[in-house]
Structures are given as C-alpha cells and as structure tokens.
Amino acid sequence: MAGEPTAPAASGVKRDTKAPGRRNLRRKTFIARALPHGVLIAFSAVILLPLLWLLRVALTDKLTAYKIPPEWVQPKLSNFVEIFTGYPFFDYFLNSVTVAVGATLCAL
C-alpha cells in the first residue's frame, strides 16, 4: 500500500482546492465583524470603570476609600446619611435647581 499512487476521486469529480482560501475568507470576515465589538467593549470599559470606582468610593468610609491597594468591603450608606442630616443638602439642591431653571429661561 505504501508507495502506491492514489486513485482519482470517484466519478471524475475534482477535489475542491479552494477550501483553504475559503477558510481564510471566513476568518477575515469573523475578524472584521468581531473587531468593532472589541473596540466598543474597550471604550465601554474606559467609560464605565471610573463610574464604578466613584460608586465604590461613595459606599465606603473615608479611611477605606483612599487605601492603596484598594480594599473591597461591605458597602455602607453612612456617607449618604451624613450628607442628608449633617448639611443643608435640600437648600443647596434648591439653589442649584433655581440657577439651572433661570439659566435655561435666559437662554430661551
């Protein structure tokens, strides 16, 4: 068997010699379709990670918020309680709303 010539394909049908080229074309189209998704995921991470960091810092105490390396601890709402009870938050909020509405009306 070794050394014997191989018989041509049955019924005279030629083998498809373009199959490797088709695989390369499929690979190129997969890369062309996947690349934009990869870029969008990377940009989304660049935008979302600072927001997640901001949320992490808001839900921790002052000592834990600025530790290097950061520690991931149980979230606490004490910072928000302090804002609403220790400061006149609603007065500041009303002042901001008044300025925003006034500036909008002036622009119109």
N, C-alpha and C. Protein backbone atom coordinates (compact mmCIF):
# COMPACT_ATOMS: atom_id res chain seq x y z
N MET A 1 0.80 -1.17 0.00
CA MET A 1 0.00 0.00 0.00
C MET A 1 0.86 1.25 0.00
N ALA A 2 1.90 1.25 0.77
CA ALA A 2 2.76 2.42 0.77
C ALA A 2 3.45 2.51 -0.56
N GLY A 3 3.51 3.68 -1.10
CA GLY A 3 4.17 3.87 -2.38
C GLY A 3 3.26 3.72 -3.56
N GLU A 4 2.02 3.25 -3.35
CA GLU A 4 1.08 3.11 -4.46
C GLU A 4 0.47 4.46 -4.77
N PRO A 5 0.25 4.77 -6.03
CA PRO A 5 -0.40 6.03 -6.37
C PRO A 5 -1.86 6.02 -5.92
N THR A 6 -2.34 7.14 -5.51
CA THR A 6 -3.73 7.20 -5.07
C THR A 6 -4.63 7.33 -6.28
N ALA A 7 -5.80 6.78 -6.14
CA ALA A 7 -6.76 6.80 -7.24
C ALA A 7 -7.43 8.17 -7.30
N PRO A 8 -7.82 8.61 -8.50
CA PRO A 8 -8.53 9.88 -8.60
C PRO A 8 -9.87 9.79 -7.88
N ALA A 9 -10.42 10.92 -7.59
CA ALA A 9 -11.70 10.97 -6.87
C ALA A 9 -12.77 10.24 -7.66
N ALA A 10 -13.76 9.71 -6.98
CA ALA A 10 -14.83 8.94 -7.60
C ALA A 10 -15.59 9.78 -8.62
N SER A 11 -15.97 9.15 -9.68
CA SER A 11 -16.76 9.72 -10.77
C SER A 11 -16.12 10.95 -11.40
N GLY A 12 -14.80 11.04 -11.33
CA GLY A 12 -14.09 12.09 -12.03
C GLY A 12 -14.28 13.49 -11.45
N VAL A 13 -14.82 13.60 -10.23
CA VAL A 13 -15.02 14.91 -9.62
C VAL A 13 -13.70 15.39 -9.05
N LYS A 14 -13.33 16.62 -9.38
CA LYS A 14 -12.08 17.17 -8.86
C LYS A 14 -12.26 17.58 -7.41
N ARG A 15 -11.18 17.48 -6.68
CA ARG A 15 -11.21 17.95 -5.30
C ARG A 15 -11.27 19.47 -5.28
N ASP A 16 -11.92 20.00 -4.23
CA ASP A 16 -12.03 21.45 -4.09
C ASP A 16 -10.72 21.97 -3.50
N THR A 17 -9.91 22.58 -4.36
CA THR A 17 -8.62 23.08 -3.89
C THR A 17 -8.73 24.46 -3.30
N LYS A 18 -9.91 25.09 -3.34
CA LYS A 18 -10.08 26.42 -2.81
C LYS A 18 -10.53 26.44 -1.36
N ALA A 19 -10.65 25.30 -0.73
CA ALA A 19 -11.12 25.24 0.66
C ALA A 19 -10.25 26.05 1.62
N PRO A 20 -8.91 25.97 1.53
CA PRO A 20 -8.13 26.79 2.46
C PRO A 20 -8.37 28.28 2.26
N GLY A 21 -8.59 28.72 1.05
CA GLY A 21 -8.88 30.13 0.80
C GLY A 21 -10.21 30.54 1.40
N ARG A 22 -11.17 29.64 1.36
CA ARG A 22 -12.46 29.94 1.95
C ARG A 22 -12.34 30.06 3.47
N ARG A 23 -11.50 29.22 4.05
CA ARG A 23 -11.29 29.32 5.50
C ARG A 23 -10.66 30.66 5.86
N ASN A 24 -9.71 31.11 5.05
CA ASN A 24 -9.10 32.42 5.31
C ASN A 24 -10.12 33.53 5.15
N LEU A 25 -11.02 33.40 4.18
CA LEU A 25 -12.05 34.40 3.98
C LEU A 25 -13.00 34.42 5.17
N ARG A 26 -13.38 33.23 5.66
CA ARG A 26 -14.24 33.17 6.84
C ARG A 26 -13.56 33.80 8.05
N ARG A 27 -12.26 33.53 8.19
CA ARG A 27 -11.51 34.10 9.32
C ARG A 27 -11.47 35.62 9.20
N LYS A 28 -11.25 36.13 7.99
CA LYS A 28 -11.20 37.58 7.80
C LYS A 28 -12.56 38.21 8.08
N THR A 29 -13.64 37.58 7.65
CA THR A 29 -14.95 38.15 7.92
C THR A 29 -15.28 38.08 9.40
N PHE A 30 -14.85 37.02 10.09
CA PHE A 30 -15.06 36.94 11.54
C PHE A 30 -14.31 38.06 12.25
N ILE A 31 -13.07 38.28 11.85
CA ILE A 31 -12.28 39.35 12.46
C ILE A 31 -12.90 40.70 12.14
N ALA A 32 -13.35 40.88 10.91
CA ALA A 32 -13.96 42.15 10.52
C ALA A 32 -15.25 42.41 11.29
N ARG A 33 -15.98 41.34 11.65
CA ARG A 33 -17.20 41.52 12.44
C ARG A 33 -16.88 41.64 13.92
N ALA A 34 -15.86 40.97 14.42
CA ALA A 34 -15.57 40.96 15.86
C ALA A 34 -14.78 42.20 16.29
N LEU A 35 -13.98 42.76 15.42
CA LEU A 35 -13.13 43.89 15.79
C LEU A 35 -13.93 45.10 16.28
N PRO A 36 -14.99 45.52 15.60
CA PRO A 36 -15.76 46.65 16.13
C PRO A 36 -16.35 46.37 17.51
N HIS A 37 -16.78 45.13 17.74
CA HIS A 37 -17.32 44.78 19.05
C HIS A 37 -16.24 44.88 20.13
N GLY A 38 -15.04 44.43 19.82
CA GLY A 38 -13.95 44.53 20.76
C GLY A 38 -13.60 45.97 21.09
N VAL A 39 -13.61 46.81 20.07
CA VAL A 39 -13.31 48.23 20.29
C VAL A 39 -14.41 48.86 21.15
N LEU A 40 -15.68 48.54 20.87
CA LEU A 40 -16.78 49.09 21.66
C LEU A 40 -16.72 48.62 23.11
N ILE A 41 -16.35 47.37 23.33
CA ILE A 41 -16.22 46.85 24.70
C ILE A 41 -15.09 47.57 25.42
N ALA A 42 -13.98 47.80 24.75
CA ALA A 42 -12.86 48.51 25.38
C ALA A 42 -13.25 49.94 25.75
N PHE A 43 -13.90 50.65 24.84
CA PHE A 43 -14.33 52.02 25.14
C PHE A 43 -15.38 52.05 26.24
N SER A 44 -16.27 51.07 26.25
CA SER A 44 -17.27 51.00 27.32
C SER A 44 -16.60 50.80 28.67
N ALA A 45 -15.56 49.97 28.72
CA ALA A 45 -14.84 49.77 29.98
C ALA A 45 -14.16 51.06 30.42
N VAL A 46 -13.60 51.80 29.47
CA VAL A 46 -12.94 53.07 29.81
C VAL A 46 -13.95 54.05 30.40
N ILE A 47 -15.17 54.03 29.91
CA ILE A 47 -16.19 54.94 30.42
C ILE A 47 -16.81 54.43 31.72
N LEU A 48 -17.05 53.13 31.83
CA LEU A 48 -17.77 52.61 32.99
C LEU A 48 -16.90 52.40 34.23
N LEU A 49 -15.63 52.08 34.07
CA LEU A 49 -14.79 51.82 35.24
C LEU A 49 -14.66 53.02 36.17
N PRO A 50 -14.48 54.24 35.70
CA PRO A 50 -14.46 55.37 36.64
C PRO A 50 -15.79 55.55 37.38
N LEU A 51 -16.90 55.28 36.71
CA LEU A 51 -18.19 55.39 37.38
C LEU A 51 -18.34 54.33 38.46
N LEU A 52 -17.87 53.12 38.18
CA LEU A 52 -17.90 52.07 39.20
C LEU A 52 -16.98 52.41 40.37
N TRP A 53 -15.84 53.02 40.07
CA TRP A 53 -14.91 53.45 41.13
C TRP A 53 -15.57 54.54 41.99
N LEU A 54 -16.26 55.46 41.37
CA LEU A 54 -16.96 56.51 42.08
C LEU A 54 -18.02 55.91 43.01
N LEU A 55 -18.75 54.93 42.54
CA LEU A 55 -19.75 54.26 43.37
C LEU A 55 -19.10 53.53 44.53
N ARG A 56 -17.95 52.87 44.28
CA ARG A 56 -17.24 52.17 45.34
C ARG A 56 -16.79 53.14 46.42
N VAL A 57 -16.24 54.28 46.02
CA VAL A 57 -15.77 55.26 46.99
C VAL A 57 -16.95 55.86 47.76
N ALA A 58 -18.08 56.07 47.10
CA ALA A 58 -19.24 56.65 47.76
C ALA A 58 -19.82 55.72 48.81
N LEU A 59 -19.65 54.42 48.63
CA LEU A 59 -20.25 53.46 49.55
C LEU A 59 -19.28 52.92 50.59
N THR A 60 -18.12 53.54 50.75
CA THR A 60 -17.17 53.11 51.78
C THR A 60 -16.86 54.28 52.69
N ASP A 61 -16.23 53.99 53.81
CA ASP A 61 -15.86 55.08 54.72
C ASP A 61 -14.60 55.77 54.21
N LYS A 62 -14.24 56.89 54.84
CA LYS A 62 -13.13 57.72 54.34
C LYS A 62 -11.79 56.99 54.40
N LEU A 63 -11.57 56.21 55.43
CA LEU A 63 -10.28 55.52 55.55
C LEU A 63 -10.12 54.45 54.49
N THR A 64 -11.16 53.72 54.21
CA THR A 64 -11.09 52.63 53.24
C THR A 64 -11.08 53.17 51.81
N ALA A 65 -11.72 54.31 51.59
CA ALA A 65 -11.86 54.84 50.23
C ALA A 65 -10.51 55.18 49.60
N TYR A 66 -9.55 55.61 50.40
CA TYR A 66 -8.28 56.08 49.83
C TYR A 66 -7.11 55.15 50.14
N LYS A 67 -7.37 53.91 50.53
CA LYS A 67 -6.28 52.96 50.78
C LYS A 67 -5.70 52.48 49.46
N ILE A 68 -4.40 52.27 49.48
CA ILE A 68 -3.71 51.71 48.32
C ILE A 68 -3.00 50.46 48.80
N PRO A 69 -3.22 49.31 48.27
CA PRO A 69 -4.20 48.94 47.25
C PRO A 69 -5.62 49.01 47.81
N PRO A 70 -6.59 49.19 46.93
CA PRO A 70 -7.97 49.36 47.41
C PRO A 70 -8.50 48.08 48.04
N GLU A 71 -9.30 48.25 49.06
CA GLU A 71 -9.94 47.11 49.72
C GLU A 71 -11.42 47.12 49.33
N TRP A 72 -11.93 45.95 49.04
CA TRP A 72 -13.35 45.84 48.70
C TRP A 72 -14.06 45.35 49.95
N VAL A 73 -14.83 46.23 50.55
CA VAL A 73 -15.51 45.92 51.80
C VAL A 73 -17.01 46.00 51.61
N GLN A 74 -17.73 45.64 52.66
CA GLN A 74 -19.19 45.72 52.65
C GLN A 74 -19.62 47.18 52.47
N PRO A 75 -20.50 47.47 51.50
CA PRO A 75 -20.93 48.86 51.29
C PRO A 75 -21.68 49.40 52.50
N LYS A 76 -21.48 50.69 52.76
CA LYS A 76 -22.14 51.38 53.87
C LYS A 76 -22.83 52.62 53.33
N LEU A 77 -23.98 52.93 53.88
CA LEU A 77 -24.73 54.11 53.46
C LEU A 77 -24.53 55.28 54.43
N SER A 78 -23.58 55.17 55.33
CA SER A 78 -23.38 56.21 56.34
C SER A 78 -22.98 57.55 55.70
N ASN A 79 -22.27 57.52 54.57
CA ASN A 79 -21.90 58.77 53.89
C ASN A 79 -23.14 59.53 53.44
N PHE A 80 -24.13 58.81 52.92
CA PHE A 80 -25.34 59.46 52.44
C PHE A 80 -26.19 59.97 53.60
N VAL A 81 -26.21 59.21 54.68
CA VAL A 81 -26.95 59.66 55.87
C VAL A 81 -26.32 60.95 56.39
N GLU A 82 -24.98 61.02 56.40
CA GLU A 82 -24.28 62.22 56.86
C GLU A 82 -24.60 63.43 55.98
N ILE A 83 -24.69 63.23 54.68
CA ILE A 83 -24.99 64.33 53.77
C ILE A 83 -26.38 64.90 54.05
N PHE A 84 -27.37 64.02 54.24
CA PHE A 84 -28.74 64.49 54.40
C PHE A 84 -29.02 65.03 55.81
N THR A 85 -28.28 64.56 56.82
CA THR A 85 -28.55 65.02 58.19
C THR A 85 -27.57 66.08 58.67
N GLY A 86 -26.34 66.04 58.20
CA GLY A 86 -25.31 66.95 58.71
C GLY A 86 -25.18 68.25 57.95
N TYR A 87 -25.74 68.33 56.76
CA TYR A 87 -25.61 69.51 55.92
C TYR A 87 -26.98 69.90 55.40
N PRO A 88 -27.18 71.17 55.06
CA PRO A 88 -28.48 71.59 54.48
C PRO A 88 -28.54 71.23 52.99
N PHE A 89 -28.56 69.93 52.71
CA PHE A 89 -28.49 69.45 51.33
C PHE A 89 -29.65 69.99 50.49
N PHE A 90 -30.85 69.96 51.02
CA PHE A 90 -32.01 70.38 50.23
C PHE A 90 -31.98 71.87 49.90
N ASP A 91 -31.39 72.68 50.76
CA ASP A 91 -31.21 74.10 50.43
C ASP A 91 -30.24 74.26 49.26
N TYR A 92 -29.15 73.50 49.31
CA TYR A 92 -28.17 73.54 48.21
C TYR A 92 -28.80 73.04 46.91
N PHE A 93 -29.60 71.98 47.03
CA PHE A 93 -30.24 71.41 45.85
C PHE A 93 -31.23 72.41 45.25
N LEU A 94 -32.01 73.05 46.08
CA LEU A 94 -32.97 74.04 45.61
C LEU A 94 -32.25 75.22 44.94
N ASN A 95 -31.12 75.62 45.50
CA ASN A 95 -30.33 76.68 44.90
C ASN A 95 -29.84 76.27 43.50
N SER A 96 -29.38 75.04 43.36
CA SER A 96 -28.91 74.56 42.05
C SER A 96 -30.04 74.50 41.04
N VAL A 97 -31.21 74.04 41.47
CA VAL A 97 -32.36 73.97 40.56
C VAL A 97 -32.78 75.37 40.13
N THR A 98 -32.77 76.32 41.06
CA THR A 98 -33.13 77.70 40.72
C THR A 98 -32.17 78.29 39.69
N VAL A 99 -30.90 78.10 39.88
CA VAL A 99 -29.91 78.60 38.92
C VAL A 99 -30.07 77.92 37.56
N ALA A 100 -30.29 76.60 37.54
CA ALA A 100 -30.43 75.88 36.27
C ALA A 100 -31.68 76.33 35.52
N VAL A 101 -32.78 76.48 36.22
CA VAL A 101 -34.02 76.93 35.57
C VAL A 101 -33.86 78.36 35.07
N GLY A 102 -33.25 79.22 35.87
CA GLY A 102 -33.03 80.61 35.45
C GLY A 102 -32.14 80.71 34.23
N ALA A 103 -31.07 79.93 34.21
CA ALA A 103 -30.17 79.94 33.04
C ALA A 103 -30.87 79.40 31.80
N THR A 104 -31.72 78.39 31.97
CA THR A 104 -32.46 77.85 30.83
C THR A 104 -33.45 78.87 30.28
N LEU A 105 -34.15 79.56 31.18
CA LEU A 105 -35.10 80.57 30.73
C LEU A 105 -34.40 81.73 30.03
N CYS A 106 -33.24 82.12 30.51
CA CYS A 106 -32.47 83.19 29.85
C CYS A 106 -32.00 82.78 28.46
N ALA A 107 -31.68 81.51 28.31
CA ALA A 107 -31.20 81.01 27.02
C ALA A 107 -32.32 80.94 26.00
N LEU A 108 -33.55 80.76 26.47
CA LEU A 108 -34.67 80.66 25.54
C LEU A 108 -35.04 82.04 25.07
